[in-house]
Amino acid sequence: MDGFETTSIIRKGGADCDSQIPIIVLTADNTSQTRKKIFELDANDLVTKPVNGPFLFSKINKNASTKKLSKVA
C-alpha cells in the first residue's frame, strides 16, 4: 500500500480512522502531476524532500491547529 492508497482509505473513513485527520504528504516527487493527485485525494498539505525541519514543523503546527485532534485511547 502506498501513500495515495492510504490517503484514499483514510478519507473514505476506512480502517476505523477519523476521515478528517490532517494528512501531510512527504514526497521526493514534486511534479505537477503528483501535486495534483495528492490534492485530489484531499490531503491537507505537501512537503518535499529534502526536508527542512523548521518548515516541516510549521506545516504540522498549521494543520494540527485546523482540527481538534482527539486523544488516542
PDB file of N, CA and C in Angstrom:
ATOM      1  N   MET A   1       0.855  -1.176   0.000  1.00  0.00           N
ATOM      2  CA  MET A   1       0.000   0.000   0.000  1.00  0.00           C
ATOM      3  C   MET A   1       0.897   1.235   0.000  1.00  0.00           C
ATOM      4  N   ASP A   2       0.616   2.150  -0.901  1.00  0.00           N
ATOM      5  CA  ASP A   2       1.397   3.386  -0.940  1.00  0.00           C
ATOM      6  C   ASP A   2       0.618   4.529  -0.273  1.00  0.00           C
ATOM      7  N   GLY A   3       1.219   5.687  -0.257  1.00  0.00           N
ATOM      8  CA  GLY A   3       0.590   6.831   0.398  1.00  0.00           C
ATOM      9  C   GLY A   3      -0.699   7.289  -0.256  1.00  0.00           C
ATOM     10  N   PHE A   4      -0.780   7.136  -1.583  1.00  0.00           N
ATOM     11  CA  PHE A   4      -2.013   7.512  -2.279  1.00  0.00           C
ATOM     12  C   PHE A   4      -3.167   6.631  -1.814  1.00  0.00           C
ATOM     13  N   GLU A   5      -2.922   5.335  -1.773  1.00  0.00           N
ATOM     14  CA  GLU A   5      -3.958   4.394  -1.343  1.00  0.00           C
ATOM     15  C   GLU A   5      -4.318   4.620   0.124  1.00  0.00           C
ATOM     16  N   THR A   6      -3.318   4.841   0.938  1.00  0.00           N
ATOM     17  CA  THR A   6      -3.556   5.084   2.362  1.00  0.00           C
ATOM     18  C   THR A   6      -4.408   6.330   2.571  1.00  0.00           C
ATOM     19  N   THR A   7      -4.068   7.417   1.874  1.00  0.00           N
ATOM     20  CA  THR A   7      -4.838   8.655   1.987  1.00  0.00           C
ATOM     21  C   THR A   7      -6.282   8.445   1.557  1.00  0.00           C
ATOM     22  N   SER A   8      -6.466   7.716   0.469  1.00  0.00           N
ATOM     23  CA  SER A   8      -7.808   7.434  -0.034  1.00  0.00           C
ATOM     24  C   SER A   8      -8.630   6.657   0.988  1.00  0.00           C
ATOM     25  N   ILE A   9      -8.032   5.646   1.601  1.00  0.00           N
ATOM     26  CA  ILE A   9      -8.733   4.839   2.610  1.00  0.00           C
ATOM     27  C   ILE A   9      -9.118   5.694   3.811  1.00  0.00           C
ATOM     28  N   ILE A  10      -8.188   6.529   4.271  1.00  0.00           N
ATOM     29  CA  ILE A  10      -8.474   7.395   5.422  1.00  0.00           C
ATOM     30  C   ILE A  10      -9.611   8.356   5.095  1.00  0.00           C
ATOM     31  N   ARG A  11      -9.560   8.996   3.934  1.00  0.00           N
ATOM     32  CA  ARG A  11     -10.591   9.973   3.572  1.00  0.00           C
ATOM     33  C   ARG A  11     -11.965   9.335   3.385  1.00  0.00           C
ATOM     34  N   LYS A  12     -11.994   8.060   3.061  1.00  0.00           N
ATOM     35  CA  LYS A  12     -13.268   7.348   2.925  1.00  0.00           C
ATOM     36  C   LYS A  12     -13.767   6.820   4.269  1.00  0.00           C
ATOM     37  N   GLY A  13     -13.008   7.073   5.341  1.00  0.00           N
ATOM     38  CA  GLY A  13     -13.412   6.648   6.674  1.00  0.00           C
ATOM     39  C   GLY A  13     -13.114   5.188   6.956  1.00  0.00           C
ATOM     40  N   GLY A  14     -12.267   4.585   6.157  1.00  0.00           N
ATOM     41  CA  GLY A  14     -11.927   3.181   6.344  1.00  0.00           C
ATOM     42  C   GLY A  14     -10.900   2.975   7.438  1.00  0.00           C
ATOM     43  N   ALA A  15     -10.695   1.707   7.788  1.00  0.00           N
ATOM     44  CA  ALA A  15      -9.692   1.304   8.788  1.00  0.00           C
ATOM     45  C   ALA A  15      -9.917   1.984  10.131  1.00  0.00           C
ATOM     46  N   ASP A  16     -11.180   2.261  10.460  1.00  0.00           N
ATOM     47  CA  ASP A  16     -11.528   2.892  11.734  1.00  0.00           C
ATOM     48  C   ASP A  16     -10.755   4.183  11.982  1.00  0.00           C
ATOM     49  N   CYS A  17     -10.534   4.963  10.926  1.00  0.00           N
ATOM     50  CA  CYS A  17      -9.811   6.227  11.028  1.00  0.00           C
ATOM     51  C   CYS A  17     -10.779   7.403  11.020  1.00  0.00           C
ATOM     52  N   ASP A  18     -10.378   8.470  11.660  1.00  0.00           N
ATOM     53  CA  ASP A  18     -11.103   9.728  11.565  1.00  0.00           C
ATOM     54  C   ASP A  18     -10.848  10.264  10.162  1.00  0.00           C
ATOM     55  N   SER A  19     -11.856  10.343   9.340  1.00  0.00           N
ATOM     56  CA  SER A  19     -11.677  10.722   7.935  1.00  0.00           C
ATOM     57  C   SER A  19     -11.203  12.163   7.758  1.00  0.00           C
ATOM     58  N   GLN A  20     -11.281  12.968   8.810  1.00  0.00           N
ATOM     59  CA  GLN A  20     -10.861  14.365   8.709  1.00  0.00           C
ATOM     60  C   GLN A  20      -9.499  14.641   9.341  1.00  0.00           C
ATOM     61  N   ILE A  21      -8.796  13.583   9.750  1.00  0.00           N
ATOM     62  CA  ILE A  21      -7.474  13.788  10.333  1.00  0.00           C
ATOM     63  C   ILE A  21      -6.567  14.478   9.319  1.00  0.00           C
ATOM     64  N   PRO A  22      -5.771  15.442   9.749  1.00  0.00           N
ATOM     65  CA  PRO A  22      -4.883  16.122   8.812  1.00  0.00           C
ATOM     66  C   PRO A  22      -3.859  15.153   8.209  1.00  0.00           C
ATOM     67  N   ILE A  23      -3.674  15.247   6.906  1.00  0.00           N
ATOM     68  CA  ILE A  23      -2.690  14.420   6.205  1.00  0.00           C
ATOM     69  C   ILE A  23      -1.704  15.349   5.520  1.00  0.00           C
ATOM     70  N   ILE A  24      -0.432  15.216   5.878  1.00  0.00           N
ATOM     71  CA  ILE A  24       0.643  15.959   5.239  1.00  0.00           C
ATOM     72  C   ILE A  24       1.478  14.940   4.476  1.00  0.00           C
ATOM     73  N   VAL A  25       1.548  15.098   3.173  1.00  0.00           N
ATOM     74  CA  VAL A  25       2.279  14.170   2.327  1.00  0.00           C
ATOM     75  C   VAL A  25       3.741  14.597   2.275  1.00  0.00           C
ATOM     76  N   LEU A  26       4.638  13.622   2.451  1.00  0.00           N
ATOM     77  CA  LEU A  26       6.071  13.842   2.351  1.00  0.00           C
ATOM     78  C   LEU A  26       6.545  13.072   1.126  1.00  0.00           C
ATOM     79  N   THR A  27       7.094  13.784   0.139  1.00  0.00           N
ATOM     80  CA  THR A  27       7.471  13.136  -1.112  1.00  0.00           C
ATOM     81  C   THR A  27       8.712  13.767  -1.723  1.00  0.00           C
ATOM     82  N   ALA A  28       9.414  12.969  -2.522  1.00  0.00           N
ATOM     83  CA  ALA A  28      10.538  13.490  -3.301  1.00  0.00           C
ATOM     84  C   ALA A  28      10.074  13.890  -4.696  1.00  0.00           C
ATOM     85  N   ASP A  29       8.867  13.490  -5.052  1.00  0.00           N
ATOM     86  CA  ASP A  29       8.320  13.746  -6.382  1.00  0.00           C
ATOM     87  C   ASP A  29       7.512  15.040  -6.362  1.00  0.00           C
ATOM     88  N   ASN A  30       8.101  16.096  -6.886  1.00  0.00           N
ATOM     89  CA  ASN A  30       7.456  17.413  -6.840  1.00  0.00           C
ATOM     90  C   ASN A  30       6.911  17.821  -8.208  1.00  0.00           C
ATOM     91  N   THR A  31       6.514  16.837  -9.012  1.00  0.00           N
ATOM     92  CA  THR A  31       5.957  17.159 -10.319  1.00  0.00           C
ATOM     93  C   THR A  31       4.533  17.678 -10.167  1.00  0.00           C
ATOM     94  N   SER A  32       4.073  18.413 -11.166  1.00  0.00           N
ATOM     95  CA  SER A  32       2.713  18.945 -11.101  1.00  0.00           C
ATOM     96  C   SER A  32       1.678  17.823 -11.089  1.00  0.00           C
ATOM     97  N   GLN A  33       1.956  16.703 -11.760  1.00  0.00           N
ATOM     98  CA  GLN A  33       1.036  15.570 -11.759  1.00  0.00           C
ATOM     99  C   GLN A  33       0.875  14.987 -10.361  1.00  0.00           C
ATOM    100  N   THR A  34       1.988  14.828  -9.661  1.00  0.00           N
ATOM    101  CA  THR A  34       1.932  14.275  -8.305  1.00  0.00           C
ATOM    102  C   THR A  34       1.230  15.243  -7.368  1.00  0.00           C
ATOM    103  N   ARG A  35       1.550  16.524  -7.467  1.00  0.00           N
ATOM    104  CA  ARG A  35       0.897  17.528  -6.614  1.00  0.00           C
ATOM    105  C   ARG A  35      -0.614  17.513  -6.843  1.00  0.00           C
ATOM    106  N   LYS A  36      -1.031  17.443  -8.097  1.00  0.00           N
ATOM    107  CA  LYS A  36      -2.454  17.410  -8.422  1.00  0.00           C
ATOM    108  C   LYS A  36      -3.115  16.176  -7.813  1.00  0.00           C
ATOM    109  N   LYS A  37      -2.479  15.025  -7.962  1.00  0.00           N
ATOM    110  CA  LYS A  37      -3.040  13.781  -7.430  1.00  0.00           C
ATOM    111  C   LYS A  37      -3.161  13.838  -5.906  1.00  0.00           C
ATOM    112  N   ILE A  38      -2.151  14.381  -5.251  1.00  0.00           N
ATOM    113  CA  ILE A  38      -2.156  14.484  -3.789  1.00  0.00           C
ATOM    114  C   ILE A  38      -3.340  15.334  -3.319  1.00  0.00           C
ATOM    115  N   PHE A  39      -3.561  16.462  -3.958  1.00  0.00           N
ATOM    116  CA  PHE A  39      -4.640  17.347  -3.509  1.00  0.00           C
ATOM    117  C   PHE A  39      -6.016  16.869  -3.970  1.00  0.00           C
ATOM    118  N   GLU A  40      -6.064  16.098  -5.058  1.00  0.00           N
ATOM    119  CA  GLU A  40      -7.333  15.468  -5.454  1.00  0.00           C
ATOM    120  C   GLU A  40      -7.777  14.437  -4.416  1.00  0.00           C
ATOM    121  N   LEU A  41      -6.802  13.828  -3.742  1.00  0.00           N
ATOM    122  CA  LEU A  41      -7.110  12.859  -2.682  1.00  0.00           C
ATOM    123  C   LEU A  41      -7.471  13.557  -1.374  1.00  0.00           C
ATOM    124  N   ASP A  42      -7.459  14.879  -1.384  1.00  0.00           N
ATOM    125  CA  ASP A  42      -7.851  15.696  -0.240  1.00  0.00           C
ATOM    126  C   ASP A  42      -6.834  15.679   0.899  1.00  0.00           C
ATOM    127  N   ALA A  43      -5.548  15.574   0.531  1.00  0.00           N
ATOM    128  CA  ALA A  43      -4.506  15.747   1.546  1.00  0.00           C
ATOM    129  C   ALA A  43      -4.493  17.213   1.945  1.00  0.00           C
ATOM    130  N   ASN A  44      -4.073  17.499   3.166  1.00  0.00           N
ATOM    131  CA  ASN A  44      -4.088  18.872   3.660  1.00  0.00           C
ATOM    132  C   ASN A  44      -2.891  19.688   3.214  1.00  0.00           C
ATOM    133  N   ASP A  45      -1.751  19.006   3.058  1.00  0.00           N
ATOM    134  CA  ASP A  45      -0.543  19.755   2.747  1.00  0.00           C
ATOM    135  C   ASP A  45       0.493  18.827   2.140  1.00  0.00           C
ATOM    136  N   LEU A  46       1.584  19.421   1.667  1.00  0.00           N
ATOM    137  CA  LEU A  46       2.644  18.693   0.989  1.00  0.00           C
ATOM    138  C   LEU A  46       3.990  19.252   1.406  1.00  0.00           C
ATOM    139  N   VAL A  47       4.925  18.374   1.694  1.00  0.00           N
ATOM    140  CA  VAL A  47       6.303  18.752   1.990  1.00  0.00           C
ATOM    141  C   VAL A  47       7.183  17.900   1.091  1.00  0.00           C
ATOM    142  N   THR A  48       8.130  18.544   0.410  1.00  0.00           N
ATOM    143  CA  THR A  48       9.012  17.805  -0.479  1.00  0.00           C
ATOM    144  C   THR A  48      10.377  17.575   0.160  1.00  0.00           C
ATOM    145  N   LYS A  49      11.006  16.498  -0.285  1.00  0.00           N
ATOM    146  CA  LYS A  49      12.355  16.171   0.176  1.00  0.00           C
ATOM    147  C   LYS A  49      13.348  16.932  -0.685  1.00  0.00           C
ATOM    148  N   PRO A  50      14.494  17.301  -0.160  1.00  0.00           N
ATOM    149  CA  PRO A  50      14.936  17.055   1.210  1.00  0.00           C
ATOM    150  C   PRO A  50      14.148  17.917   2.195  1.00  0.00           C
ATOM    151  N   VAL A  51      13.944  17.368   3.353  1.00  0.00           N
ATOM    152  CA  VAL A  51      13.092  18.001   4.357  1.00  0.00           C
ATOM    153  C   VAL A  51      13.861  19.067   5.124  1.00  0.00           C
ATOM    154  N   ASN A  52      13.231  20.223   5.238  1.00  0.00           N
ATOM    155  CA  ASN A  52      13.735  21.299   6.072  1.00  0.00           C
ATOM    156  C   ASN A  52      12.956  21.216   7.381  1.00  0.00           C
ATOM    157  N   GLY A  53      13.631  20.886   8.473  1.00  0.00           N
ATOM    158  CA  GLY A  53      12.980  20.660   9.765  1.00  0.00           C
ATOM    159  C   GLY A  53      12.015  21.750  10.199  1.00  0.00           C
ATOM    160  N   PRO A  54      12.458  22.996  10.280  1.00  0.00           N
ATOM    161  CA  PRO A  54      11.546  24.060  10.709  1.00  0.00           C
ATOM    162  C   PRO A  54      10.331  24.193   9.790  1.00  0.00           C
ATOM    163  N   PHE A  55      10.527  24.013   8.485  1.00  0.00           N
ATOM    164  CA  PHE A  55       9.411  24.097   7.541  1.00  0.00           C
ATOM    165  C   PHE A  55       8.408  22.974   7.794  1.00  0.00           C
ATOM    166  N   LEU A  56       8.903  21.753   7.995  1.00  0.00           N
ATOM    167  CA  LEU A  56       8.036  20.612   8.283  1.00  0.00           C
ATOM    168  C   LEU A  56       7.233  20.864   9.559  1.00  0.00           C
ATOM    169  N   PHE A  57       7.893  21.317  10.606  1.00  0.00           N
ATOM    170  CA  PHE A  57       7.190  21.574  11.862  1.00  0.00           C
ATOM    171  C   PHE A  57       6.158  22.690  11.716  1.00  0.00           C
ATOM    172  N   SER A  58       6.442  23.684  10.877  1.00  0.00           N
ATOM    173  CA  SER A  58       5.442  24.740  10.663  1.00  0.00           C
ATOM    174  C   SER A  58       4.202  24.171   9.973  1.00  0.00           C
ATOM    175  N   LYS A  59       4.395  23.232   9.039  1.00  0.00           N
ATOM    176  CA  LYS A  59       3.259  22.583   8.364  1.00  0.00           C
ATOM    177  C   LYS A  59       2.462  21.735   9.351  1.00  0.00           C
ATOM    178  N   ILE A  60       3.163  21.021  10.210  1.00  0.00           N
ATOM    179  CA  ILE A  60       2.482  20.198  11.222  1.00  0.00           C
ATOM    180  C   ILE A  60       1.657  21.083  12.139  1.00  0.00           C
ATOM    181  N   ASN A  61       2.263  22.158  12.643  1.00  0.00           N
ATOM    182  CA  ASN A  61       1.542  23.068  13.538  1.00  0.00           C
ATOM    183  C   ASN A  61       0.342  23.697  12.855  1.00  0.00           C
ATOM    184  N   LYS A  62       0.505  24.126  11.617  1.00  0.00           N
ATOM    185  CA  LYS A  62      -0.601  24.742  10.871  1.00  0.00           C
ATOM    186  C   LYS A  62      -1.764  23.762  10.715  1.00  0.00           C
ATOM    187  N   ASN A  63      -1.465  22.538  10.327  1.00  0.00           N
ATOM    188  CA  ASN A  63      -2.520  21.569  10.055  1.00  0.00           C
ATOM    189  C   ASN A  63      -3.105  20.967  11.322  1.00  0.00           C
ATOM    190  N   ALA A  64      -2.327  20.852  12.363  1.00  0.00           N
ATOM    191  CA  ALA A  64      -2.857  20.326  13.628  1.00  0.00           C
ATOM    192  C   ALA A  64      -3.817  21.320  14.247  1.00  0.00           C
ATOM    193  N   SER A  65      -3.603  22.601  13.989  1.00  0.00           N
ATOM    194  CA  SER A  65      -4.468  23.614  14.586  1.00  0.00           C
ATOM    195  C   SER A  65      -5.772  23.778  13.826  1.00  0.00           C
ATOM    196  N   THR A  66      -5.881  23.194  12.624  1.00  0.00           N
ATOM    197  CA  THR A  66      -7.129  23.326  11.850  1.00  0.00           C
ATOM    198  C   THR A  66      -8.206  22.372  12.306  1.00  0.00           C
ATOM    199  N   LYS A  67      -7.851  21.386  13.093  1.00  0.00           N
ATOM    200  CA  LYS A  67      -8.830  20.416  13.583  1.00  0.00           C
ATOM    201  C   LYS A  67      -8.410  19.988  14.977  1.00  0.00           C
ATOM    202  N   LYS A  68      -9.329  19.945  15.872  1.00  0.00           N
ATOM    203  CA  LYS A  68      -9.041  19.468  17.213  1.00  0.00           C
ATOM    204  C   LYS A  68      -8.831  17.953  17.131  1.00  0.00           C
ATOM    205  N   LEU A  69      -7.639  17.528  17.437  1.00  0.00           N
ATOM    206  CA  LEU A  69      -7.328  16.108  17.367  1.00  0.00           C
ATOM    207  C   LEU A  69      -7.755  15.414  18.658  1.00  0.00           C
ATOM    208  N   SER A  70      -8.354  14.269  18.521  1.00  0.00           N
ATOM    209  CA  SER A  70      -8.777  13.541  19.718  1.00  0.00           C
ATOM    210  C   SER A  70      -7.599  12.747  20.254  1.00  0.00           C
ATOM    211  N   LYS A  71      -7.628  12.512  21.551  1.00  0.00           N
ATOM    212  CA  LYS A  71      -6.562  11.732  22.190  1.00  0.00           C
ATOM    213  C   LYS A  71      -6.712  10.268  21.813  1.00  0.00           C
ATOM    214  N   VAL A  72      -5.571   9.634  21.644  1.00  0.00           N
ATOM    215  CA  VAL A  72      -5.580   8.197  21.375  1.00  0.00           C
ATOM    216  C   VAL A  72      -5.769   7.468  22.672  1.00  0.00           C
ATOM    217  N   ALA A  73      -6.708   6.537  22.711  1.00  0.00           N
ATOM    218  CA  ALA A  73      -7.010   5.808  23.938  1.00  0.00           C
ATOM    219  C   ALA A  73      -5.959   4.757  24.222  1.00  0.00           C
TER     220      ALA A  73
END
